[in-house]
Amino acid sequence: MKAVRILAAGLLAAVLGLLGTLPAQAQFGGGGGGMPPGMMHKIQEWQQWRQQHKNLSNLQTMLYQLQQLEKDPQHHLNKKQAAGLIGILKAWRHKPNMTEQQAHQVQVKIGNLLTLPQIQKMTTFQPAWNANRSGGGGGGFKPGAKFTFPDPPRGGYNPLNPDTLPFKQMRPVAAHTMAMFMQDLAHRAKTG
């Protein structure tokens, strides 16, 4: 089961990596070689969307960091923290969208649950879509690969609701990852 979660998180990180603030050329091995026509334009649209929606983007990163924190025996959430986080996630799990202001409020609520050492540890967990901002590496686009790159959200998006993920192909993986995370939190809330 852990292997499924790791694979799911890896797939989601790989797709969301395209959303990051990395220079687009670094994403595709420099110079854009092998990049489908229009892909650079889509990447630039997403980079602009992330700049205009920093709270939503930061909440997405925070969710990833919380999932990583839960794996750390020295810093994982205690019983009370897990119960509090479940309450926040459940309140937002099925809502179709979240505003920038609401995303900020959710971040503050989550931050208030955590200790300073937990927050400090979370900052060490950088998702693939935030990593390597200086370029290089990046994996690259595989020529001939079938992937539909969606437009940035025009209507609504809620980082705590995988069903609103713009990458429709990743919704089942993201929903599974969220369900497993909430299951782990529920267990922690009962047993401490």
N, C-alpha and C. Protein backbone atom coordinates (compact mmCIF):
# COMPACT_ATOMS: atom_id res chain seq x y z
N MET A 1 0.83 -1.20 0.00
CA MET A 1 0.00 0.00 0.00
C MET A 1 0.87 1.25 0.00
N LYS A 2 2.01 1.19 0.73
CA LYS A 2 2.91 2.34 0.75
C LYS A 2 3.48 2.59 -0.63
N ALA A 3 3.74 1.51 -1.38
CA ALA A 3 4.29 1.66 -2.73
C ALA A 3 3.29 2.38 -3.63
N VAL A 4 2.00 2.08 -3.46
CA VAL A 4 0.96 2.76 -4.25
C VAL A 4 0.95 4.24 -3.93
N ARG A 5 1.06 4.58 -2.64
CA ARG A 5 1.07 5.99 -2.25
C ARG A 5 2.29 6.71 -2.79
N ILE A 6 3.44 6.05 -2.72
CA ILE A 6 4.66 6.68 -3.23
C ILE A 6 4.55 6.90 -4.72
N LEU A 7 4.05 5.88 -5.44
CA LEU A 7 3.86 6.02 -6.88
C LEU A 7 2.86 7.12 -7.19
N ALA A 8 1.76 7.15 -6.47
CA ALA A 8 0.74 8.19 -6.70
C ALA A 8 1.31 9.57 -6.44
N ALA A 9 2.04 9.72 -5.36
CA ALA A 9 2.63 11.02 -5.04
C ALA A 9 3.66 11.40 -6.10
N GLY A 10 4.43 10.42 -6.57
CA GLY A 10 5.42 10.69 -7.60
C GLY A 10 4.79 11.12 -8.90
N LEU A 11 3.72 10.44 -9.30
CA LEU A 11 3.02 10.81 -10.53
C LEU A 11 2.43 12.21 -10.43
N LEU A 12 1.81 12.48 -9.30
CA LEU A 12 1.22 13.80 -9.11
C LEU A 12 2.31 14.88 -9.11
N ALA A 13 3.41 14.60 -8.45
CA ALA A 13 4.50 15.58 -8.42
C ALA A 13 5.07 15.80 -9.81
N ALA A 14 5.17 14.73 -10.60
CA ALA A 14 5.70 14.87 -11.95
C ALA A 14 4.81 15.76 -12.81
N VAL A 15 3.51 15.55 -12.71
CA VAL A 15 2.59 16.37 -13.49
C VAL A 15 2.57 17.80 -12.97
N LEU A 16 2.47 17.96 -11.67
CA LEU A 16 2.43 19.30 -11.11
C LEU A 16 3.75 20.03 -11.27
N GLY A 17 4.81 19.28 -11.52
CA GLY A 17 6.10 19.89 -11.80
C GLY A 17 6.04 20.84 -12.97
N LEU A 18 5.16 20.54 -13.89
CA LEU A 18 4.99 21.42 -15.04
C LEU A 18 4.39 22.75 -14.65
N LEU A 19 3.76 22.80 -13.49
CA LEU A 19 3.13 24.04 -13.03
C LEU A 19 4.10 24.96 -12.31
N GLY A 20 5.23 24.43 -11.93
CA GLY A 20 6.14 25.17 -11.06
C GLY A 20 6.68 26.43 -11.68
N THR A 21 7.45 27.12 -10.89
CA THR A 21 8.03 28.37 -11.35
C THR A 21 9.39 28.14 -11.98
N LEU A 22 9.69 26.90 -12.33
CA LEU A 22 10.92 26.62 -13.03
C LEU A 22 10.90 27.29 -14.39
N PRO A 23 12.05 27.67 -14.87
CA PRO A 23 12.07 28.13 -16.25
C PRO A 23 11.62 26.97 -17.14
N ALA A 24 10.73 27.25 -18.05
CA ALA A 24 10.14 26.21 -18.87
C ALA A 24 11.19 25.45 -19.66
N GLN A 25 12.26 26.10 -20.09
CA GLN A 25 13.27 25.40 -20.86
C GLN A 25 13.95 24.34 -20.01
N ALA A 26 14.15 24.60 -18.73
CA ALA A 26 14.78 23.61 -17.86
C ALA A 26 13.88 22.39 -17.71
N GLN A 27 12.57 22.59 -17.77
CA GLN A 27 11.63 21.49 -17.66
C GLN A 27 11.82 20.48 -18.77
N PHE A 28 12.22 20.95 -19.92
CA PHE A 28 12.25 20.09 -21.09
C PHE A 28 13.66 19.95 -21.64
N GLY A 29 14.64 19.95 -20.74
CA GLY A 29 16.00 19.67 -21.14
C GLY A 29 16.67 20.82 -21.87
N GLY A 30 16.24 22.05 -21.63
CA GLY A 30 16.86 23.21 -22.24
C GLY A 30 16.44 23.39 -23.67
N GLY A 31 16.19 24.60 -24.08
CA GLY A 31 15.88 24.92 -25.45
C GLY A 31 14.54 24.45 -25.94
N GLY A 32 13.81 23.69 -25.16
CA GLY A 32 12.48 23.25 -25.57
C GLY A 32 12.48 22.15 -26.60
N GLY A 33 13.62 21.48 -26.83
CA GLY A 33 13.67 20.43 -27.83
C GLY A 33 12.66 19.34 -27.55
N GLY A 34 11.92 18.95 -28.58
CA GLY A 34 10.92 17.90 -28.42
C GLY A 34 9.63 18.36 -27.80
N MET A 35 9.52 19.64 -27.49
CA MET A 35 8.32 20.15 -26.87
C MET A 35 7.23 20.32 -27.94
N PRO A 36 6.03 19.82 -27.66
CA PRO A 36 4.94 19.98 -28.62
C PRO A 36 4.63 21.46 -28.85
N PRO A 37 4.16 21.79 -30.06
CA PRO A 37 3.80 23.18 -30.33
C PRO A 37 2.75 23.67 -29.33
N GLY A 38 2.90 24.87 -28.88
CA GLY A 38 1.94 25.45 -27.94
C GLY A 38 2.21 25.13 -26.48
N MET A 39 3.10 24.16 -26.22
CA MET A 39 3.37 23.76 -24.84
C MET A 39 4.03 24.90 -24.06
N MET A 40 4.98 25.60 -24.69
CA MET A 40 5.65 26.71 -24.01
C MET A 40 4.62 27.77 -23.60
N HIS A 41 3.67 28.04 -24.49
CA HIS A 41 2.63 29.02 -24.18
C HIS A 41 1.80 28.57 -22.98
N LYS A 42 1.45 27.29 -22.94
CA LYS A 42 0.67 26.76 -21.80
C LYS A 42 1.46 26.88 -20.50
N ILE A 43 2.74 26.57 -20.56
CA ILE A 43 3.56 26.65 -19.37
C ILE A 43 3.63 28.09 -18.87
N GLN A 44 3.77 29.02 -19.78
CA GLN A 44 3.80 30.43 -19.39
C GLN A 44 2.48 30.88 -18.79
N GLU A 45 1.36 30.38 -19.33
CA GLU A 45 0.05 30.70 -18.74
C GLU A 45 -0.04 30.18 -17.31
N TRP A 46 0.46 28.96 -17.10
CA TRP A 46 0.42 28.39 -15.76
C TRP A 46 1.34 29.14 -14.79
N GLN A 47 2.50 29.53 -15.25
CA GLN A 47 3.41 30.29 -14.40
C GLN A 47 2.77 31.61 -13.99
N GLN A 48 2.10 32.25 -14.93
CA GLN A 48 1.39 33.50 -14.63
C GLN A 48 0.25 33.25 -13.65
N TRP A 49 -0.49 32.17 -13.85
CA TRP A 49 -1.60 31.83 -12.95
C TRP A 49 -1.07 31.62 -11.53
N ARG A 50 0.04 30.89 -11.39
CA ARG A 50 0.61 30.65 -10.06
C ARG A 50 1.06 31.94 -9.40
N GLN A 51 1.61 32.86 -10.18
CA GLN A 51 2.02 34.15 -9.63
C GLN A 51 0.82 34.95 -9.14
N GLN A 52 -0.30 34.84 -9.85
CA GLN A 52 -1.52 35.58 -9.48
C GLN A 52 -2.32 34.87 -8.40
N HIS A 53 -2.01 33.62 -8.12
CA HIS A 53 -2.75 32.82 -7.14
C HIS A 53 -1.76 32.17 -6.17
N LYS A 54 -0.97 33.01 -5.54
CA LYS A 54 0.09 32.50 -4.66
C LYS A 54 -0.47 31.73 -3.46
N ASN A 55 -1.58 32.17 -2.90
CA ASN A 55 -2.11 31.47 -1.73
C ASN A 55 -2.60 30.07 -2.10
N LEU A 56 -3.28 29.94 -3.24
CA LEU A 56 -3.72 28.62 -3.69
C LEU A 56 -2.52 27.73 -3.97
N SER A 57 -1.51 28.29 -4.63
CA SER A 57 -0.30 27.53 -4.95
C SER A 57 0.43 27.12 -3.67
N ASN A 58 0.53 28.04 -2.72
CA ASN A 58 1.21 27.74 -1.46
C ASN A 58 0.45 26.71 -0.64
N LEU A 59 -0.87 26.74 -0.71
CA LEU A 59 -1.66 25.74 0.01
C LEU A 59 -1.44 24.36 -0.60
N GLN A 60 -1.33 24.29 -1.92
CA GLN A 60 -1.02 23.01 -2.58
C GLN A 60 0.32 22.48 -2.08
N THR A 61 1.31 23.35 -1.99
CA THR A 61 2.62 22.95 -1.49
C THR A 61 2.53 22.54 -0.02
N MET A 62 1.76 23.28 0.76
CA MET A 62 1.61 22.98 2.18
C MET A 62 0.99 21.59 2.38
N LEU A 63 0.02 21.24 1.54
CA LEU A 63 -0.59 19.91 1.63
C LEU A 63 0.45 18.83 1.39
N TYR A 64 1.28 19.02 0.38
CA TYR A 64 2.38 18.07 0.12
C TYR A 64 3.30 17.98 1.33
N GLN A 65 3.67 19.12 1.90
CA GLN A 65 4.58 19.14 3.04
C GLN A 65 3.98 18.44 4.25
N LEU A 66 2.69 18.61 4.46
CA LEU A 66 2.02 17.93 5.57
C LEU A 66 2.05 16.41 5.38
N GLN A 67 1.86 15.98 4.14
CA GLN A 67 1.92 14.54 3.87
C GLN A 67 3.32 14.00 4.15
N GLN A 68 4.34 14.76 3.82
CA GLN A 68 5.71 14.33 4.09
C GLN A 68 6.00 14.37 5.59
N LEU A 69 5.50 15.40 6.26
CA LEU A 69 5.70 15.53 7.70
C LEU A 69 5.13 14.33 8.44
N GLU A 70 4.01 13.84 7.97
CA GLU A 70 3.34 12.72 8.62
C GLU A 70 4.19 11.44 8.56
N LYS A 71 5.14 11.38 7.64
CA LYS A 71 6.02 10.22 7.51
C LYS A 71 7.22 10.30 8.45
N ASP A 72 7.44 11.46 9.05
CA ASP A 72 8.61 11.68 9.91
C ASP A 72 8.24 11.38 11.36
N PRO A 73 8.80 10.31 11.94
CA PRO A 73 8.43 9.93 13.30
C PRO A 73 8.72 11.00 14.36
N GLN A 74 9.70 11.86 14.12
CA GLN A 74 10.03 12.89 15.10
C GLN A 74 9.12 14.11 15.01
N HIS A 75 8.48 14.31 13.87
CA HIS A 75 7.71 15.53 13.67
C HIS A 75 6.25 15.31 13.28
N HIS A 76 5.83 14.06 13.15
CA HIS A 76 4.46 13.83 12.70
C HIS A 76 3.45 14.46 13.66
N LEU A 77 2.24 14.62 13.19
CA LEU A 77 1.19 15.27 13.98
C LEU A 77 0.81 14.40 15.17
N ASN A 78 0.46 15.05 16.26
CA ASN A 78 -0.05 14.31 17.41
C ASN A 78 -1.56 14.12 17.24
N LYS A 79 -2.17 13.48 18.22
CA LYS A 79 -3.59 13.15 18.16
C LYS A 79 -4.46 14.39 17.95
N LYS A 80 -4.23 15.42 18.72
CA LYS A 80 -5.03 16.65 18.65
C LYS A 80 -4.81 17.36 17.31
N GLN A 81 -3.56 17.43 16.86
CA GLN A 81 -3.26 18.08 15.59
C GLN A 81 -3.91 17.34 14.42
N ALA A 82 -3.82 16.01 14.45
CA ALA A 82 -4.42 15.21 13.37
C ALA A 82 -5.93 15.43 13.31
N ALA A 83 -6.57 15.45 14.47
CA ALA A 83 -8.02 15.68 14.50
C ALA A 83 -8.36 17.07 13.96
N GLY A 84 -7.57 18.07 14.32
CA GLY A 84 -7.79 19.43 13.81
C GLY A 84 -7.62 19.51 12.30
N LEU A 85 -6.58 18.85 11.80
CA LEU A 85 -6.33 18.89 10.35
C LEU A 85 -7.44 18.15 9.59
N ILE A 86 -7.91 17.05 10.14
CA ILE A 86 -9.02 16.33 9.50
C ILE A 86 -10.23 17.25 9.39
N GLY A 87 -10.52 18.00 10.45
CA GLY A 87 -11.64 18.93 10.41
C GLY A 87 -11.51 19.95 9.29
N ILE A 88 -10.30 20.48 9.11
CA ILE A 88 -10.07 21.47 8.05
C ILE A 88 -10.22 20.82 6.68
N LEU A 89 -9.61 19.65 6.50
CA LEU A 89 -9.67 18.98 5.21
C LEU A 89 -11.10 18.57 4.85
N LYS A 90 -11.83 18.05 5.84
CA LYS A 90 -13.22 17.64 5.58
C LYS A 90 -14.09 18.83 5.21
N ALA A 91 -13.85 19.96 5.84
CA ALA A 91 -14.65 21.16 5.55
C ALA A 91 -14.47 21.61 4.11
N TRP A 92 -13.32 21.34 3.53
CA TRP A 92 -13.02 21.80 2.17
C TRP A 92 -12.98 20.70 1.13
N ARG A 93 -13.00 19.46 1.53
CA ARG A 93 -12.78 18.32 0.63
C ARG A 93 -13.68 18.32 -0.61
N HIS A 94 -14.93 18.72 -0.48
CA HIS A 94 -15.86 18.62 -1.61
C HIS A 94 -16.29 19.96 -2.18
N LYS A 95 -15.71 21.04 -1.70
CA LYS A 95 -16.05 22.36 -2.24
C LYS A 95 -15.36 22.53 -3.60
N PRO A 96 -16.08 23.07 -4.59
CA PRO A 96 -15.53 23.15 -5.94
C PRO A 96 -14.45 24.21 -6.13
N ASN A 97 -14.43 25.23 -5.30
CA ASN A 97 -13.40 26.24 -5.46
C ASN A 97 -13.07 26.91 -4.15
N MET A 98 -11.97 27.65 -4.18
CA MET A 98 -11.46 28.34 -3.01
C MET A 98 -10.85 29.64 -3.52
N THR A 99 -11.14 30.73 -2.84
CA THR A 99 -10.57 32.02 -3.23
C THR A 99 -9.17 32.15 -2.65
N GLU A 100 -8.45 33.15 -3.11
CA GLU A 100 -7.13 33.45 -2.58
C GLU A 100 -7.21 33.75 -1.08
N GLN A 101 -8.23 34.52 -0.68
CA GLN A 101 -8.39 34.87 0.73
C GLN A 101 -8.69 33.62 1.57
N GLN A 102 -9.55 32.76 1.05
CA GLN A 102 -9.88 31.53 1.77
C GLN A 102 -8.65 30.63 1.89
N ALA A 103 -7.85 30.56 0.83
CA ALA A 103 -6.63 29.74 0.87
C ALA A 103 -5.68 30.27 1.95
N HIS A 104 -5.59 31.59 2.05
CA HIS A 104 -4.74 32.18 3.11
C HIS A 104 -5.29 31.81 4.49
N GLN A 105 -6.60 31.91 4.67
CA GLN A 105 -7.21 31.58 5.97
C GLN A 105 -6.97 30.12 6.33
N VAL A 106 -7.08 29.23 5.35
CA VAL A 106 -6.84 27.81 5.61
C VAL A 106 -5.38 27.59 6.02
N GLN A 107 -4.45 28.25 5.34
CA GLN A 107 -3.04 28.14 5.70
C GLN A 107 -2.80 28.58 7.14
N VAL A 108 -3.44 29.68 7.54
CA VAL A 108 -3.28 30.18 8.91
C VAL A 108 -3.84 29.16 9.90
N LYS A 109 -5.01 28.60 9.61
CA LYS A 109 -5.60 27.59 10.51
C LYS A 109 -4.68 26.38 10.66
N ILE A 110 -4.14 25.92 9.53
CA ILE A 110 -3.24 24.78 9.60
C ILE A 110 -1.97 25.16 10.36
N GLY A 111 -1.43 26.32 10.07
CA GLY A 111 -0.22 26.78 10.77
C GLY A 111 -0.42 26.87 12.27
N ASN A 112 -1.62 27.26 12.71
CA ASN A 112 -1.91 27.36 14.13
C ASN A 112 -1.94 26.01 14.83
N LEU A 113 -2.11 24.93 14.07
CA LEU A 113 -2.11 23.59 14.65
C LEU A 113 -0.70 23.08 14.92
N LEU A 114 0.27 23.65 14.22
CA LEU A 114 1.61 23.09 14.20
C LEU A 114 2.55 23.74 15.21
N THR A 115 3.57 23.00 15.59
CA THR A 115 4.62 23.55 16.44
C THR A 115 5.70 24.18 15.55
N LEU A 116 6.53 25.00 16.15
CA LEU A 116 7.62 25.63 15.39
C LEU A 116 8.55 24.58 14.77
N PRO A 117 8.97 23.54 15.52
CA PRO A 117 9.82 22.51 14.89
C PRO A 117 9.14 21.82 13.70
N GLN A 118 7.83 21.61 13.78
CA GLN A 118 7.12 21.00 12.65
C GLN A 118 7.14 21.92 11.44
N ILE A 119 6.89 23.20 11.66
CA ILE A 119 6.90 24.17 10.56
C ILE A 119 8.29 24.24 9.94
N GLN A 120 9.31 24.25 10.79
CA GLN A 120 10.68 24.29 10.29
C GLN A 120 11.00 23.05 9.47
N LYS A 121 10.55 21.90 9.93
CA LYS A 121 10.78 20.65 9.20
C LYS A 121 10.04 20.67 7.87
N MET A 122 8.83 21.19 7.86
CA MET A 122 8.04 21.24 6.62
C MET A 122 8.78 22.01 5.52
N THR A 123 9.50 23.05 5.90
CA THR A 123 10.19 23.85 4.89
C THR A 123 11.30 23.07 4.20
N THR A 124 11.70 21.94 4.78
CA THR A 124 12.73 21.12 4.13
C THR A 124 12.14 20.21 3.07
N PHE A 125 10.83 20.08 3.03
CA PHE A 125 10.17 19.24 2.03
C PHE A 125 9.74 20.10 0.85
N GLN A 126 10.47 20.01 -0.23
CA GLN A 126 10.13 20.80 -1.42
C GLN A 126 9.64 19.87 -2.51
N PRO A 127 8.39 20.05 -2.93
CA PRO A 127 7.86 19.21 -4.00
C PRO A 127 8.61 19.42 -5.30
N ALA A 128 8.50 18.46 -6.18
CA ALA A 128 9.20 18.51 -7.47
C ALA A 128 8.87 19.78 -8.24
N TRP A 129 7.62 20.25 -8.10
CA TRP A 129 7.24 21.44 -8.87
C TRP A 129 7.84 22.72 -8.31
N ASN A 130 8.46 22.68 -7.13
CA ASN A 130 9.14 23.85 -6.58
C ASN A 130 10.65 23.68 -6.58
N ALA A 131 11.13 22.49 -6.86
CA ALA A 131 12.55 22.19 -6.74
C ALA A 131 13.33 22.68 -7.95
N ASN A 132 14.62 22.80 -7.75
CA ASN A 132 15.55 23.08 -8.84
C ASN A 132 15.19 24.33 -9.62
N ARG A 133 14.88 25.41 -8.94
CA ARG A 133 14.49 26.66 -9.60
C ARG A 133 15.60 27.24 -10.45
N SER A 134 16.83 26.81 -10.23
CA SER A 134 17.93 27.39 -10.98
C SER A 134 18.09 26.76 -12.35
N GLY A 135 17.31 25.76 -12.67
CA GLY A 135 17.39 25.13 -13.98
C GLY A 135 18.20 23.86 -13.92
N GLY A 136 18.38 23.25 -15.09
CA GLY A 136 19.09 21.99 -15.18
C GLY A 136 18.20 20.86 -14.73
N GLY A 137 18.66 19.64 -14.90
CA GLY A 137 17.88 18.48 -14.48
C GLY A 137 16.50 18.52 -15.09
N GLY A 138 15.47 18.30 -14.30
CA GLY A 138 14.11 18.53 -14.74
C GLY A 138 13.45 17.40 -15.46
N GLY A 139 14.17 16.35 -15.81
CA GLY A 139 13.51 15.19 -16.38
C GLY A 139 13.30 15.29 -17.87
N GLY A 140 12.54 16.24 -18.34
CA GLY A 140 12.35 16.41 -19.77
C GLY A 140 11.07 15.80 -20.28
N PHE A 141 10.59 16.31 -21.39
CA PHE A 141 9.38 15.83 -22.04
C PHE A 141 9.76 14.70 -22.98
N LYS A 142 9.03 13.63 -22.96
CA LYS A 142 9.29 12.49 -23.82
C LYS A 142 8.55 12.68 -25.15
N PRO A 143 9.27 12.84 -26.25
CA PRO A 143 8.61 13.00 -27.54
C PRO A 143 7.67 11.83 -27.80
N GLY A 144 6.50 12.14 -28.32
CA GLY A 144 5.51 11.12 -28.63
C GLY A 144 4.62 10.75 -27.46
N ALA A 145 4.94 11.25 -26.26
CA ALA A 145 4.12 10.92 -25.09
C ALA A 145 2.76 11.59 -25.22
N LYS A 146 1.72 10.87 -24.84
CA LYS A 146 0.36 11.42 -24.90
C LYS A 146 0.05 12.10 -23.59
N PHE A 147 -0.09 13.40 -23.65
CA PHE A 147 -0.43 14.16 -22.45
C PHE A 147 -1.14 15.43 -22.88
N THR A 148 -2.31 15.65 -22.33
CA THR A 148 -3.07 16.85 -22.64
C THR A 148 -2.81 17.86 -21.54
N PHE A 149 -2.22 18.95 -21.90
CA PHE A 149 -1.87 19.99 -20.94
C PHE A 149 -3.04 20.95 -20.84
N PRO A 150 -3.73 20.99 -19.70
CA PRO A 150 -4.93 21.82 -19.59
C PRO A 150 -4.61 23.30 -19.44
N ASP A 151 -5.64 24.09 -19.63
CA ASP A 151 -5.53 25.52 -19.35
C ASP A 151 -5.57 25.72 -17.84
N PRO A 152 -5.03 26.82 -17.35
CA PRO A 152 -5.18 27.13 -15.93
C PRO A 152 -6.66 27.26 -15.58
N PRO A 153 -7.02 27.07 -14.32
CA PRO A 153 -8.42 27.16 -13.92
C PRO A 153 -9.02 28.51 -14.29
N ARG A 154 -10.15 28.48 -14.94
CA ARG A 154 -10.87 29.71 -15.28
C ARG A 154 -12.03 29.92 -14.31
N GLY A 155 -12.64 28.82 -13.91
CA GLY A 155 -13.76 28.89 -12.99
C GLY A 155 -13.28 28.74 -11.57
N GLY A 156 -13.24 27.51 -11.11
CA GLY A 156 -12.86 27.28 -9.73
C GLY A 156 -11.80 26.22 -9.60
N TYR A 157 -11.09 26.32 -8.50
CA TYR A 157 -10.07 25.33 -8.15
C TYR A 157 -9.95 25.33 -6.65
N ASN A 158 -9.78 24.15 -6.10
CA ASN A 158 -9.62 23.98 -4.66
C ASN A 158 -8.51 22.96 -4.44
N PRO A 159 -7.35 23.38 -3.96
CA PRO A 159 -6.24 22.45 -3.77
C PRO A 159 -6.54 21.30 -2.81
N LEU A 160 -7.59 21.44 -1.99
CA LEU A 160 -7.94 20.38 -1.05
C LEU A 160 -9.01 19.45 -1.61
N ASN A 161 -9.43 19.69 -2.84
CA ASN A 161 -10.42 18.84 -3.51
C ASN A 161 -9.82 18.31 -4.81
N PRO A 162 -9.30 17.08 -4.80
CA PRO A 162 -8.66 16.53 -6.00
C PRO A 162 -9.58 16.49 -7.22
N ASP A 163 -10.89 16.50 -7.01
CA ASP A 163 -11.82 16.47 -8.14
C ASP A 163 -11.80 17.76 -8.95
N THR A 164 -11.16 18.81 -8.42
CA THR A 164 -11.08 20.08 -9.15
C THR A 164 -9.72 20.26 -9.80
N LEU A 165 -8.83 19.29 -9.65
CA LEU A 165 -7.50 19.38 -10.24
C LEU A 165 -7.63 19.58 -11.75
N PRO A 166 -7.01 20.61 -12.30
CA PRO A 166 -7.14 20.87 -13.74
C PRO A 166 -6.62 19.72 -14.61
N PHE A 167 -5.66 18.96 -14.10
CA PHE A 167 -5.14 17.81 -14.83
C PHE A 167 -6.08 16.63 -14.63
N LYS A 168 -7.07 16.49 -15.49
CA LYS A 168 -8.09 15.46 -15.31
C LYS A 168 -7.49 14.07 -15.22
N GLN A 169 -6.39 13.83 -15.95
CA GLN A 169 -5.76 12.51 -15.92
C GLN A 169 -5.25 12.16 -14.52
N MET A 170 -4.95 13.17 -13.71
CA MET A 170 -4.37 12.94 -12.40
C MET A 170 -5.39 12.92 -11.27
N ARG A 171 -6.64 13.22 -11.58
CA ARG A 171 -7.65 13.27 -10.51
C ARG A 171 -7.78 11.97 -9.73
N PRO A 172 -7.84 10.80 -10.39
CA PRO A 172 -7.95 9.57 -9.60
C PRO A 172 -6.75 9.34 -8.68
N VAL A 173 -5.55 9.62 -9.16
CA VAL A 173 -4.35 9.45 -8.34
C VAL A 173 -4.37 10.42 -7.16
N ALA A 174 -4.72 11.69 -7.45
CA ALA A 174 -4.77 12.70 -6.39
C ALA A 174 -5.84 12.35 -5.36
N ALA A 175 -6.99 11.88 -5.82
CA ALA A 175 -8.08 11.51 -4.89
C ALA A 175 -7.64 10.35 -4.01
N HIS A 176 -6.94 9.37 -4.60
CA HIS A 176 -6.46 8.24 -3.82
C HIS A 176 -5.43 8.70 -2.78
N THR A 177 -4.51 9.56 -3.20
CA THR A 177 -3.49 10.07 -2.28
C THR A 177 -4.13 10.83 -1.12
N MET A 178 -5.14 11.67 -1.43
CA MET A 178 -5.83 12.42 -0.38
C MET A 178 -6.58 11.47 0.56
N ALA A 179 -7.25 10.46 0.00
CA ALA A 179 -7.99 9.51 0.83
C ALA A 179 -7.05 8.76 1.78
N MET A 180 -5.89 8.36 1.27
CA MET A 180 -4.92 7.64 2.12
C MET A 180 -4.36 8.56 3.21
N PHE A 181 -4.12 9.81 2.86
CA PHE A 181 -3.62 10.78 3.84
C PHE A 181 -4.65 10.99 4.94
N MET A 182 -5.91 11.15 4.56
CA MET A 182 -6.97 11.35 5.55
C MET A 182 -7.15 10.10 6.40
N GLN A 183 -6.98 8.94 5.80
CA GLN A 183 -7.07 7.69 6.56
C GLN A 183 -5.95 7.62 7.60
N ASP A 184 -4.75 8.00 7.19
CA ASP A 184 -3.62 8.02 8.13
C ASP A 184 -3.88 9.02 9.26
N LEU A 185 -4.42 10.18 8.92
CA LEU A 185 -4.73 11.18 9.94
C LEU A 185 -5.80 10.69 10.90
N ALA A 186 -6.81 10.01 10.36
CA ALA A 186 -7.88 9.48 11.22
C ALA A 186 -7.31 8.46 12.21
N HIS A 187 -6.40 7.62 11.72
CA HIS A 187 -5.76 6.65 12.60
C HIS A 187 -4.96 7.35 13.69
N ARG A 188 -4.21 8.38 13.29
CA ARG A 188 -3.39 9.14 14.26
C ARG A 188 -4.31 9.85 15.27
N ALA A 189 -5.46 10.37 14.82
CA ALA A 189 -6.38 11.07 15.71
C ALA A 189 -6.98 10.14 16.76
N LYS A 190 -7.06 8.86 16.43
CA LYS A 190 -7.60 7.88 17.39
C LYS A 190 -6.53 7.34 18.33
N THR A 191 -5.35 7.11 17.77
CA THR A 191 -4.33 6.43 18.57
C THR A 191 -3.22 7.35 19.08
N GLY A 192 -3.10 8.52 18.47
CA GLY A 192 -2.07 9.45 18.91
C GLY A 192 -0.81 9.19 18.29
